[in-house]
Amino acid sequence: MPFTTVAENLGSHLSRLNEEKDEKRINELLEVVELEAFKTTLVKNLSGGQKQRVALAKALANEPEILLLDEPFSNIDTFRKNKLQRKIFCYLKENNISCITETHDSDEALAFSDEILMLKNGTKEMFGTPEFICKNVSIEY
């Protein structure tokens, strides 16, 4: 929805039955994805990484029980990515939201996962906790 503001974009995923409650939820989501300063900005004027953060907020809008994310931080610069990852994954834990994330970033997987499923050519290579993976993975160069 490129011709709506960030807040309107998020609001479109809420009930719209209680304006005050929706406004509070929008502000909470903007804080989680660190876009408070862009609340009234048209989505079309955002960078690719900012649009990706709006998409993350929209995915969280209706308080899902489970979230499926495919490379959710791929377009976000490294400095912001590290801080945002911590914030998002803490938010998910605090709100008891299960999350399955597909990533090629081993540092991300090891830092934020409870369990990791490693695939190679579409076949299960290893499954376990980050600690188990670290102890049992052989690095090939």
N, C-alpha and C. Protein backbone atom coordinates (compact mmCIF):
# COMPACT_ATOMS: atom_id res chain seq x y z
N MET A 1 0.85 -1.18 0.00
CA MET A 1 0.00 0.00 0.00
C MET A 1 0.90 1.24 0.00
N PRO A 2 1.52 1.54 -1.13
CA PRO A 2 2.53 2.60 -1.19
C PRO A 2 2.00 4.02 -0.97
N PHE A 3 0.71 4.26 -1.21
CA PHE A 3 0.19 5.62 -1.12
C PHE A 3 -0.52 5.89 0.20
N THR A 4 -0.22 5.08 1.22
CA THR A 4 -0.73 5.33 2.57
C THR A 4 0.46 5.63 3.46
N THR A 5 0.20 6.23 4.59
CA THR A 5 1.28 6.45 5.54
C THR A 5 1.62 5.13 6.23
N VAL A 6 2.74 5.11 6.90
CA VAL A 6 3.14 3.91 7.64
C VAL A 6 2.06 3.56 8.66
N ALA A 7 1.56 4.55 9.39
CA ALA A 7 0.52 4.30 10.40
C ALA A 7 -0.76 3.76 9.76
N GLU A 8 -1.18 4.34 8.65
CA GLU A 8 -2.38 3.86 7.96
C GLU A 8 -2.19 2.43 7.47
N ASN A 9 -0.99 2.15 6.98
CA ASN A 9 -0.66 0.82 6.49
C ASN A 9 -0.80 -0.20 7.61
N LEU A 10 -0.25 0.11 8.78
CA LEU A 10 -0.37 -0.80 9.93
C LEU A 10 -1.82 -0.88 10.41
N GLY A 11 -2.50 0.25 10.43
CA GLY A 11 -3.89 0.30 10.89
C GLY A 11 -4.82 -0.54 10.05
N SER A 12 -4.48 -0.73 8.79
CA SER A 12 -5.33 -1.54 7.91
C SER A 12 -5.35 -3.01 8.34
N HIS A 13 -4.43 -3.41 9.19
CA HIS A 13 -4.37 -4.79 9.67
C HIS A 13 -4.94 -4.94 11.08
N LEU A 14 -5.56 -3.88 11.58
CA LEU A 14 -6.16 -3.92 12.91
C LEU A 14 -7.68 -3.90 12.80
N SER A 15 -8.35 -4.11 13.90
CA SER A 15 -9.81 -4.27 13.90
C SER A 15 -10.57 -3.00 13.52
N ARG A 16 -10.04 -1.86 13.85
CA ARG A 16 -10.69 -0.56 13.62
C ARG A 16 -11.97 -0.39 14.43
N LEU A 17 -12.14 -1.18 15.46
CA LEU A 17 -13.32 -1.07 16.33
C LEU A 17 -13.08 -0.10 17.47
N ASN A 18 -11.82 0.05 17.84
CA ASN A 18 -11.47 0.92 18.95
C ASN A 18 -10.28 1.78 18.52
N GLU A 19 -10.56 3.01 18.12
CA GLU A 19 -9.54 3.88 17.56
C GLU A 19 -8.37 4.11 18.53
N GLU A 20 -8.68 4.28 19.81
CA GLU A 20 -7.64 4.52 20.81
C GLU A 20 -6.74 3.29 20.97
N LYS A 21 -7.36 2.12 21.01
CA LYS A 21 -6.60 0.87 21.14
C LYS A 21 -5.73 0.64 19.89
N ASP A 22 -6.30 0.91 18.71
CA ASP A 22 -5.54 0.76 17.47
C ASP A 22 -4.35 1.72 17.43
N GLU A 23 -4.55 2.95 17.85
CA GLU A 23 -3.47 3.94 17.88
C GLU A 23 -2.35 3.49 18.81
N LYS A 24 -2.72 2.95 19.95
CA LYS A 24 -1.73 2.45 20.91
C LYS A 24 -0.96 1.28 20.29
N ARG A 25 -1.66 0.39 19.61
CA ARG A 25 -1.02 -0.78 18.97
C ARG A 25 -0.09 -0.32 17.85
N ILE A 26 -0.50 0.63 17.05
CA ILE A 26 0.34 1.16 15.97
C ILE A 26 1.63 1.73 16.56
N ASN A 27 1.51 2.53 17.61
CA ASN A 27 2.69 3.12 18.25
C ASN A 27 3.62 2.04 18.82
N GLU A 28 3.03 1.01 19.40
CA GLU A 28 3.82 -0.10 19.93
C GLU A 28 4.60 -0.80 18.81
N LEU A 29 3.93 -1.07 17.71
CA LEU A 29 4.57 -1.74 16.58
C LEU A 29 5.66 -0.88 15.96
N LEU A 30 5.39 0.41 15.83
CA LEU A 30 6.40 1.32 15.29
C LEU A 30 7.64 1.34 16.17
N GLU A 31 7.44 1.26 17.48
CA GLU A 31 8.57 1.24 18.41
C GLU A 31 9.36 -0.06 18.25
N VAL A 32 8.67 -1.17 18.09
CA VAL A 32 9.33 -2.48 17.94
C VAL A 32 10.23 -2.50 16.71
N VAL A 33 9.76 -1.92 15.61
CA VAL A 33 10.55 -1.94 14.36
C VAL A 33 11.33 -0.65 14.14
N GLU A 34 11.34 0.19 15.16
CA GLU A 34 12.10 1.44 15.15
C GLU A 34 11.76 2.34 13.96
N LEU A 35 10.46 2.58 13.78
CA LEU A 35 10.00 3.48 12.72
C LEU A 35 9.11 4.60 13.25
N GLU A 36 9.23 4.93 14.54
CA GLU A 36 8.36 5.96 15.11
C GLU A 36 8.45 7.27 14.33
N ALA A 37 9.63 7.63 13.88
CA ALA A 37 9.83 8.90 13.17
C ALA A 37 9.18 8.91 11.79
N PHE A 38 8.74 7.74 11.30
CA PHE A 38 8.19 7.64 9.95
C PHE A 38 6.68 7.38 9.96
N LYS A 39 6.06 7.58 11.10
CA LYS A 39 4.63 7.28 11.27
C LYS A 39 3.76 7.93 10.19
N THR A 40 4.05 9.17 9.83
CA THR A 40 3.21 9.89 8.86
C THR A 40 3.84 9.93 7.46
N THR A 41 4.88 9.16 7.25
CA THR A 41 5.55 9.11 5.95
C THR A 41 4.82 8.13 5.03
N LEU A 42 4.67 8.51 3.76
CA LEU A 42 4.08 7.59 2.79
C LEU A 42 5.04 6.42 2.58
N VAL A 43 4.50 5.23 2.52
CA VAL A 43 5.30 4.03 2.36
C VAL A 43 6.15 4.10 1.10
N LYS A 44 5.63 4.71 0.04
CA LYS A 44 6.38 4.79 -1.22
C LYS A 44 7.67 5.58 -1.07
N ASN A 45 7.78 6.40 -0.03
CA ASN A 45 8.97 7.22 0.19
C ASN A 45 9.99 6.57 1.12
N LEU A 46 9.75 5.34 1.53
CA LEU A 46 10.67 4.63 2.42
C LEU A 46 11.72 3.87 1.62
N SER A 47 12.83 3.59 2.27
CA SER A 47 13.86 2.74 1.65
C SER A 47 13.38 1.29 1.67
N GLY A 48 14.10 0.41 0.98
CA GLY A 48 13.74 -1.00 0.97
C GLY A 48 13.77 -1.62 2.35
N GLY A 49 14.79 -1.28 3.15
CA GLY A 49 14.88 -1.79 4.52
C GLY A 49 13.76 -1.29 5.40
N GLN A 50 13.37 -0.02 5.22
CA GLN A 50 12.26 0.53 6.00
C GLN A 50 10.95 -0.15 5.62
N LYS A 51 10.76 -0.42 4.33
CA LYS A 51 9.55 -1.13 3.88
C LYS A 51 9.52 -2.53 4.48
N GLN A 52 10.68 -3.15 4.56
CA GLN A 52 10.74 -4.49 5.15
C GLN A 52 10.36 -4.44 6.63
N ARG A 53 10.74 -3.38 7.32
CA ARG A 53 10.38 -3.22 8.73
C ARG A 53 8.88 -2.97 8.88
N VAL A 54 8.27 -2.25 7.92
CA VAL A 54 6.81 -2.07 7.94
C VAL A 54 6.15 -3.44 7.77
N ALA A 55 6.67 -4.25 6.87
CA ALA A 55 6.11 -5.59 6.66
C ALA A 55 6.21 -6.44 7.93
N LEU A 56 7.31 -6.33 8.66
CA LEU A 56 7.45 -7.05 9.94
C LEU A 56 6.39 -6.58 10.93
N ALA A 57 6.20 -5.27 11.01
CA ALA A 57 5.19 -4.72 11.93
C ALA A 57 3.79 -5.20 11.53
N LYS A 58 3.50 -5.24 10.24
CA LYS A 58 2.19 -5.71 9.77
C LYS A 58 1.99 -7.17 10.13
N ALA A 59 3.05 -7.96 10.05
CA ALA A 59 2.95 -9.39 10.40
C ALA A 59 2.64 -9.56 11.89
N LEU A 60 3.07 -8.61 12.70
CA LEU A 60 2.84 -8.68 14.15
C LEU A 60 1.53 -8.03 14.58
N ALA A 61 0.90 -7.28 13.68
CA ALA A 61 -0.25 -6.44 14.03
C ALA A 61 -1.37 -7.20 14.74
N ASN A 62 -1.73 -8.35 14.25
CA ASN A 62 -2.85 -9.09 14.82
C ASN A 62 -2.44 -10.12 15.87
N GLU A 63 -1.27 -9.90 16.46
CA GLU A 63 -0.79 -10.76 17.53
C GLU A 63 -0.88 -12.25 17.18
N PRO A 64 -0.10 -12.67 16.19
CA PRO A 64 -0.16 -14.08 15.77
C PRO A 64 0.40 -15.01 16.84
N GLU A 65 0.01 -16.27 16.77
CA GLU A 65 0.58 -17.28 17.66
C GLU A 65 1.89 -17.82 17.09
N ILE A 66 1.97 -17.81 15.75
CA ILE A 66 3.17 -18.29 15.07
C ILE A 66 3.45 -17.36 13.89
N LEU A 67 4.72 -17.16 13.64
CA LEU A 67 5.14 -16.26 12.59
C LEU A 67 6.14 -17.00 11.71
N LEU A 68 5.96 -16.92 10.40
CA LEU A 68 6.88 -17.52 9.44
C LEU A 68 7.60 -16.38 8.73
N LEU A 69 8.91 -16.33 8.85
CA LEU A 69 9.69 -15.24 8.27
C LEU A 69 10.74 -15.80 7.31
N ASP A 70 10.81 -15.22 6.12
CA ASP A 70 11.78 -15.63 5.11
C ASP A 70 12.78 -14.50 4.92
N GLU A 71 13.99 -14.69 5.41
CA GLU A 71 15.05 -13.67 5.33
C GLU A 71 14.54 -12.30 5.77
N PRO A 72 14.00 -12.20 6.99
CA PRO A 72 13.34 -10.96 7.41
C PRO A 72 14.25 -9.74 7.56
N PHE A 73 15.56 -9.94 7.62
CA PHE A 73 16.47 -8.82 7.83
C PHE A 73 17.43 -8.61 6.66
N SER A 74 17.12 -9.22 5.52
CA SER A 74 18.06 -9.21 4.40
C SER A 74 18.31 -7.83 3.79
N ASN A 75 17.35 -6.93 3.82
CA ASN A 75 17.53 -5.61 3.22
C ASN A 75 17.85 -4.52 4.24
N ILE A 76 18.20 -4.91 5.44
CA ILE A 76 18.42 -3.95 6.50
C ILE A 76 19.92 -3.84 6.77
N ASP A 77 20.42 -2.60 6.87
CA ASP A 77 21.85 -2.40 7.07
C ASP A 77 22.32 -3.07 8.36
N THR A 78 23.59 -3.46 8.37
CA THR A 78 24.14 -4.29 9.44
C THR A 78 23.97 -3.69 10.83
N PHE A 79 24.26 -2.40 11.01
CA PHE A 79 24.14 -1.78 12.33
C PHE A 79 22.71 -1.87 12.84
N ARG A 80 21.76 -1.47 12.02
CA ARG A 80 20.35 -1.50 12.43
C ARG A 80 19.87 -2.94 12.56
N LYS A 81 20.36 -3.81 11.70
CA LYS A 81 19.94 -5.22 11.69
C LYS A 81 20.19 -5.87 13.05
N ASN A 82 21.38 -5.70 13.60
CA ASN A 82 21.71 -6.34 14.88
C ASN A 82 20.80 -5.87 16.00
N LYS A 83 20.58 -4.58 16.07
CA LYS A 83 19.71 -4.03 17.12
C LYS A 83 18.26 -4.47 16.90
N LEU A 84 17.81 -4.43 15.65
CA LEU A 84 16.44 -4.81 15.32
C LEU A 84 16.18 -6.28 15.60
N GLN A 85 17.13 -7.13 15.26
CA GLN A 85 16.98 -8.56 15.55
C GLN A 85 16.77 -8.79 17.04
N ARG A 86 17.60 -8.18 17.86
CA ARG A 86 17.45 -8.35 19.31
C ARG A 86 16.07 -7.88 19.76
N LYS A 87 15.65 -6.74 19.23
CA LYS A 87 14.37 -6.17 19.64
C LYS A 87 13.20 -7.06 19.20
N ILE A 88 13.22 -7.51 17.96
CA ILE A 88 12.13 -8.35 17.42
C ILE A 88 12.07 -9.68 18.17
N PHE A 89 13.21 -10.35 18.31
CA PHE A 89 13.19 -11.66 18.94
C PHE A 89 12.85 -11.57 20.43
N CYS A 90 13.25 -10.50 21.10
CA CYS A 90 12.82 -10.29 22.50
C CYS A 90 11.31 -10.08 22.55
N TYR A 91 10.79 -9.29 21.62
CA TYR A 91 9.34 -9.04 21.56
C TYR A 91 8.59 -10.36 21.36
N LEU A 92 9.09 -11.20 20.46
CA LEU A 92 8.43 -12.49 20.20
C LEU A 92 8.42 -13.36 21.46
N LYS A 93 9.55 -13.42 22.16
CA LYS A 93 9.62 -14.21 23.39
C LYS A 93 8.69 -13.66 24.47
N GLU A 94 8.71 -12.34 24.65
CA GLU A 94 7.87 -11.70 25.66
C GLU A 94 6.39 -11.94 25.40
N ASN A 95 6.02 -12.04 24.13
CA ASN A 95 4.61 -12.20 23.76
C ASN A 95 4.27 -13.64 23.39
N ASN A 96 5.19 -14.57 23.68
CA ASN A 96 4.97 -15.99 23.45
C ASN A 96 4.54 -16.29 22.01
N ILE A 97 5.22 -15.68 21.07
CA ILE A 97 4.94 -15.90 19.64
C ILE A 97 6.03 -16.81 19.10
N SER A 98 5.62 -17.98 18.62
CA SER A 98 6.57 -18.90 17.99
C SER A 98 6.96 -18.34 16.64
N CYS A 99 8.20 -18.58 16.26
CA CYS A 99 8.69 -18.01 15.00
C CYS A 99 9.57 -19.02 14.29
N ILE A 100 9.28 -19.23 13.03
CA ILE A 100 10.13 -20.05 12.16
C ILE A 100 10.75 -19.08 11.17
N THR A 101 12.07 -19.03 11.17
CA THR A 101 12.78 -18.08 10.32
C THR A 101 13.70 -18.82 9.37
N GLU A 102 13.62 -18.49 8.10
CA GLU A 102 14.53 -19.02 7.10
C GLU A 102 15.63 -17.99 6.94
N THR A 103 16.88 -18.43 7.08
CA THR A 103 18.00 -17.51 6.91
C THR A 103 19.23 -18.27 6.42
N HIS A 104 20.06 -17.55 5.69
CA HIS A 104 21.36 -18.08 5.28
C HIS A 104 22.46 -17.54 6.19
N ASP A 105 22.07 -16.71 7.15
CA ASP A 105 23.01 -16.05 8.05
C ASP A 105 23.20 -16.92 9.30
N SER A 106 24.32 -17.65 9.35
CA SER A 106 24.55 -18.57 10.47
C SER A 106 24.68 -17.82 11.79
N ASP A 107 25.25 -16.61 11.78
CA ASP A 107 25.37 -15.84 13.02
C ASP A 107 23.98 -15.51 13.57
N GLU A 108 23.07 -15.13 12.68
CA GLU A 108 21.69 -14.82 13.09
C GLU A 108 21.02 -16.06 13.67
N ALA A 109 21.15 -17.18 12.99
CA ALA A 109 20.52 -18.42 13.45
C ALA A 109 21.07 -18.84 14.81
N LEU A 110 22.37 -18.80 14.97
CA LEU A 110 22.98 -19.23 16.22
C LEU A 110 22.65 -18.29 17.38
N ALA A 111 22.55 -17.00 17.10
CA ALA A 111 22.32 -16.02 18.17
C ALA A 111 20.89 -15.98 18.67
N PHE A 112 19.91 -16.26 17.79
CA PHE A 112 18.53 -16.00 18.16
C PHE A 112 17.61 -17.23 18.16
N SER A 113 18.15 -18.38 17.86
CA SER A 113 17.30 -19.57 17.75
C SER A 113 17.30 -20.41 19.02
N ASP A 114 16.17 -21.04 19.27
CA ASP A 114 16.09 -22.05 20.31
C ASP A 114 16.50 -23.40 19.73
N GLU A 115 16.09 -23.61 18.46
CA GLU A 115 16.45 -24.83 17.73
C GLU A 115 16.74 -24.45 16.28
N ILE A 116 17.63 -25.23 15.67
CA ILE A 116 18.04 -24.97 14.29
C ILE A 116 17.89 -26.24 13.48
N LEU A 117 17.29 -26.10 12.30
CA LEU A 117 17.24 -27.17 11.32
C LEU A 117 18.13 -26.73 10.15
N MET A 118 19.24 -27.43 9.96
CA MET A 118 20.14 -27.11 8.85
C MET A 118 19.80 -28.01 7.67
N LEU A 119 19.64 -27.39 6.51
CA LEU A 119 19.35 -28.12 5.29
C LEU A 119 20.51 -27.96 4.31
N LYS A 120 20.76 -28.99 3.54
CA LYS A 120 21.74 -28.93 2.46
C LYS A 120 21.11 -29.61 1.26
N ASN A 121 20.96 -28.86 0.19
CA ASN A 121 20.30 -29.36 -1.02
C ASN A 121 18.91 -29.91 -0.71
N GLY A 122 18.19 -29.25 0.19
CA GLY A 122 16.83 -29.63 0.52
C GLY A 122 16.70 -30.82 1.44
N THR A 123 17.81 -31.31 1.97
CA THR A 123 17.80 -32.48 2.84
C THR A 123 18.29 -32.09 4.23
N LYS A 124 17.66 -32.66 5.24
CA LYS A 124 18.06 -32.38 6.62
C LYS A 124 19.50 -32.80 6.84
N GLU A 125 20.29 -31.86 7.29
CA GLU A 125 21.68 -32.15 7.60
C GLU A 125 21.90 -32.28 9.10
N MET A 126 21.25 -31.40 9.86
CA MET A 126 21.44 -31.42 11.31
C MET A 126 20.27 -30.69 11.96
N PHE A 127 19.92 -31.12 13.17
CA PHE A 127 18.86 -30.47 13.93
C PHE A 127 19.25 -30.46 15.39
N GLY A 128 19.08 -29.31 16.03
CA GLY A 128 19.37 -29.24 17.46
C GLY A 128 19.47 -27.82 17.95
N THR A 129 19.89 -27.68 19.18
CA THR A 129 20.06 -26.36 19.78
C THR A 129 21.29 -25.69 19.14
N PRO A 130 21.40 -24.38 19.28
CA PRO A 130 22.60 -23.72 18.76
C PRO A 130 23.89 -24.32 19.34
N GLU A 131 23.86 -24.68 20.63
CA GLU A 131 25.03 -25.28 21.27
C GLU A 131 25.38 -26.61 20.60
N PHE A 132 24.36 -27.44 20.34
CA PHE A 132 24.57 -28.72 19.68
C PHE A 132 25.16 -28.52 18.28
N ILE A 133 24.60 -27.57 17.54
CA ILE A 133 25.07 -27.29 16.18
C ILE A 133 26.53 -26.87 16.21
N CYS A 134 26.87 -25.94 17.12
CA CYS A 134 28.26 -25.45 17.22
C CYS A 134 29.24 -26.60 17.51
N LYS A 135 28.83 -27.52 18.37
CA LYS A 135 29.71 -28.62 18.74
C LYS A 135 29.87 -29.66 17.63
N ASN A 136 28.86 -29.76 16.76
CA ASN A 136 28.84 -30.85 15.79
C ASN A 136 28.98 -30.46 14.33
N VAL A 137 29.03 -29.20 14.04
CA VAL A 137 29.13 -28.79 12.64
C VAL A 137 30.61 -28.79 12.21
N SER A 138 30.84 -29.25 11.01
CA SER A 138 32.19 -29.17 10.45
C SER A 138 32.15 -28.10 9.37
N ILE A 139 33.04 -27.15 9.48
CA ILE A 139 33.07 -26.02 8.55
C ILE A 139 33.92 -26.40 7.34
N GLU A 140 33.31 -26.25 6.17
CA GLU A 140 34.02 -26.56 4.93
C GLU A 140 34.25 -25.26 4.18
N TYR A 141 35.46 -25.07 3.70
CA TYR A 141 35.79 -23.86 2.93
C TYR A 141 36.03 -24.20 1.49
